[in-house]
Amino acid sequence: MIDRQMYKSYNMEKDEESTGKYVMKKVIDWVTIKFLVVGVINTMVGTSVMFICYNVFHAGYWTASALNYIIGSIVSFFLNKYFTFKSGKKSAAEVVRFILNITVCYVLAYGIAKPCVHSILDGYSLTVRDNAAMLAGMCLFVGLNYVGQRYIVFRQRDYYN
């Protein structure tokens, strides 16, 4: 009976590996979930700063979105370092990698979002186009930033413990 159960369990695992379920378990793990929770906190802080700066203080597109990432990145660094990725390193290289990652992700995300959204929303006011571009830039940034932080900035051999 035990051998039969072990055989059935083994075959179920093999079937699972051959489907997307196995891959999804490796991609969406506790690290991913923690990163998303930290992201919600960063988004609330940074987005508030960005839209208040742009719409209330009339800062420009690049200034408002940059302030979002300067302030949000400080929050992100400490929460992701100690909560998400549990990096106990006291390393200047880690800080440099983090700053480079944020900078590259920011320039790519917002540099792609602005012309794309402006083209799609041609005919709407500059304020509508810029606000929509900032939202699109945020979405692109999240994906790029996750990959950079997980696999470059706070890289570890094993996140599954």
Protein backbone atom coordinates (compact mmCIF):
# COMPACT_ATOMS: atom_id res chain seq x y z
CA MET A 1 0.00 0.00 0.00
CA ILE A 2 2.76 2.44 0.88
CA ASP A 3 4.64 1.67 -2.33
CA ARG A 4 1.49 2.33 -4.34
CA GLN A 5 0.95 5.68 -2.60
CA MET A 6 4.57 6.67 -3.15
CA TYR A 7 4.29 5.68 -6.82
CA LYS A 8 1.08 7.70 -7.21
CA SER A 9 2.65 10.71 -5.44
CA TYR A 10 5.76 10.48 -7.62
CA ASN A 11 3.67 10.33 -10.79
CA MET A 12 1.57 13.31 -9.67
CA GLU A 13 4.76 15.32 -9.12
CA LYS A 14 6.03 14.32 -12.57
CA ASP A 15 2.69 15.32 -14.14
CA GLU A 16 2.82 18.63 -12.29
CA GLU A 17 6.36 19.26 -13.56
CA SER A 18 5.27 18.70 -17.12
CA THR A 19 2.57 21.34 -16.77
CA GLY A 20 2.87 25.02 -16.01
CA LYS A 21 2.02 24.46 -12.33
CA TYR A 22 5.58 23.50 -11.47
CA VAL A 23 6.99 26.56 -13.22
CA MET A 24 4.45 28.83 -11.54
CA LYS A 25 5.39 27.51 -8.09
CA LYS A 26 9.01 28.42 -8.79
CA VAL A 27 8.13 31.89 -10.15
CA ILE A 28 5.46 32.88 -7.62
CA ASP A 29 6.90 32.03 -4.24
CA TRP A 30 7.04 33.77 -0.84
CA VAL A 31 9.74 36.12 -2.06
CA THR A 32 7.48 37.27 -4.87
CA ILE A 33 4.56 37.76 -2.49
CA LYS A 34 6.71 39.75 -0.03
CA PHE A 35 8.03 41.87 -2.90
CA LEU A 36 4.45 42.65 -3.94
CA VAL A 37 3.50 43.66 -0.38
CA VAL A 38 6.51 45.97 -0.20
CA GLY A 39 5.54 47.23 -3.65
CA VAL A 40 2.09 48.21 -2.44
CA ILE A 41 3.65 50.25 0.36
CA ASN A 42 6.17 51.86 -2.02
CA THR A 43 3.43 52.56 -4.54
CA MET A 44 1.25 54.30 -1.99
CA VAL A 45 4.13 56.48 -0.81
CA GLY A 46 5.70 57.18 -4.19
CA THR A 47 2.50 57.65 -6.16
CA SER A 48 1.21 60.13 -3.63
CA VAL A 49 4.43 62.12 -3.91
CA MET A 50 4.41 61.97 -7.72
CA PHE A 51 0.82 63.03 -8.33
CA ILE A 52 0.84 65.70 -5.62
CA CYS A 53 4.06 67.16 -7.05
CA TYR A 54 2.72 67.10 -10.61
CA ASN A 55 -0.89 68.19 -10.01
CA VAL A 56 -0.64 70.40 -6.91
CA PHE A 57 2.88 71.86 -7.10
CA HIS A 58 2.98 71.77 -10.93
CA ALA A 59 6.33 70.01 -11.08
CA GLY A 60 7.13 68.62 -14.52
CA TYR A 61 6.73 65.02 -15.69
CA TRP A 62 10.38 64.04 -15.10
CA THR A 63 10.69 65.91 -11.77
CA ALA A 64 7.49 64.45 -10.32
CA SER A 65 8.23 60.89 -11.43
CA ALA A 66 11.87 61.17 -10.26
CA LEU A 67 10.78 62.32 -6.79
CA ASN A 68 8.48 59.30 -6.67
CA TYR A 69 11.44 56.99 -7.21
CA ILE A 70 13.87 58.79 -4.97
CA ILE A 71 11.53 58.64 -1.98
CA GLY A 72 9.99 55.28 -2.88
CA SER A 73 13.42 53.76 -3.45
CA ILE A 74 14.61 54.64 0.03
CA VAL A 75 11.57 52.87 1.48
CA SER A 76 12.01 50.00 -0.99
CA PHE A 77 15.68 49.45 -0.22
CA PHE A 78 15.20 48.93 3.49
CA LEU A 79 11.98 46.91 3.26
CA ASN A 80 13.28 44.64 0.50
CA LYS A 81 16.73 44.27 2.03
CA TYR A 82 15.53 43.19 5.46
CA PHE A 83 11.99 41.86 4.89
CA THR A 84 11.76 40.48 1.36
CA PHE A 85 15.26 39.25 0.57
CA LYS A 86 16.62 39.07 4.15
CA SER A 87 20.00 40.35 3.12
CA GLY A 88 22.19 40.80 6.17
CA LYS A 89 25.11 42.10 4.12
CA LYS A 90 26.55 45.49 4.92
CA SER A 91 27.85 46.08 1.46
CA ALA A 92 28.50 49.25 -0.49
CA ALA A 93 28.32 47.12 -3.65
CA GLU A 94 24.73 46.18 -2.76
CA VAL A 95 23.79 49.85 -2.40
CA VAL A 96 25.47 50.69 -5.71
CA ARG A 97 23.70 47.79 -7.47
CA PHE A 98 20.39 48.98 -5.99
CA ILE A 99 20.90 52.57 -7.17
CA LEU A 100 21.95 51.40 -10.64
CA ASN A 101 18.97 49.03 -10.85
CA ILE A 102 16.50 51.75 -9.86
CA THR A 103 18.08 54.22 -12.28
CA VAL A 104 18.08 51.84 -15.26
CA CYS A 105 14.53 50.64 -14.54
CA TYR A 106 13.30 54.22 -14.14
CA VAL A 107 14.87 55.52 -17.35
CA LEU A 108 13.67 52.51 -19.36
CA ALA A 109 10.15 52.41 -17.94
CA TYR A 110 9.37 56.10 -18.13
CA GLY A 111 11.34 56.63 -21.32
CA ILE A 112 9.23 53.94 -23.02
CA ALA A 113 5.92 54.90 -21.40
CA LYS A 114 5.87 58.60 -22.27
CA PRO A 115 6.17 58.40 -26.06
CA CYS A 116 3.92 55.33 -26.27
CA VAL A 117 1.12 56.80 -24.16
CA HIS A 118 1.42 60.23 -25.77
CA SER A 119 1.05 58.59 -29.17
CA ILE A 120 -1.95 56.50 -28.10
CA LEU A 121 -3.67 59.42 -26.36
CA ASP A 122 -2.87 61.98 -29.06
CA GLY A 123 -5.67 64.53 -28.91
CA TYR A 124 -6.02 64.52 -25.13
CA SER A 125 -4.57 67.29 -22.99
CA LEU A 126 -0.93 67.18 -21.92
CA THR A 127 -2.03 66.68 -18.30
CA VAL A 128 -4.09 63.58 -19.18
CA ARG A 129 -1.30 62.17 -21.37
CA ASP A 130 1.39 62.77 -18.73
CA ASN A 131 -0.72 61.28 -15.91
CA ALA A 132 -1.47 58.20 -18.03
CA ALA A 133 2.20 57.94 -19.03
CA MET A 134 3.24 58.06 -15.37
CA LEU A 135 0.80 55.21 -14.58
CA ALA A 136 2.11 53.15 -17.49
CA GLY A 137 5.70 53.90 -16.45
CA MET A 138 4.95 52.67 -12.95
CA CYS A 139 3.68 49.35 -14.31
CA LEU A 140 6.74 48.82 -16.50
CA PHE A 141 9.00 49.82 -13.64
CA VAL A 142 7.53 47.19 -11.27
CA GLY A 143 8.36 44.29 -13.57
CA LEU A 144 11.84 45.50 -14.45
CA ASN A 145 12.63 46.38 -10.83
CA TYR A 146 11.53 42.98 -9.49
CA VAL A 147 13.85 41.14 -11.85
CA GLY A 148 16.73 43.50 -11.05
CA GLN A 149 16.33 43.37 -7.28
CA ARG A 150 15.78 39.63 -7.06
CA TYR A 151 18.47 38.46 -9.46
CA ILE A 152 21.07 41.25 -9.33
CA VAL A 153 20.82 43.50 -6.26
CA PHE A 154 19.90 41.05 -3.49
CA ARG A 155 20.89 37.87 -5.30
CA GLN A 156 21.16 34.74 -3.22
CA ARG A 157 21.55 31.12 -4.15
CA ASP A 158 18.41 29.88 -2.41
CA TYR A 159 15.23 31.88 -1.66
CA TYR A 160 13.13 28.82 -0.91
CA ASN A 161 14.17 28.28 2.73
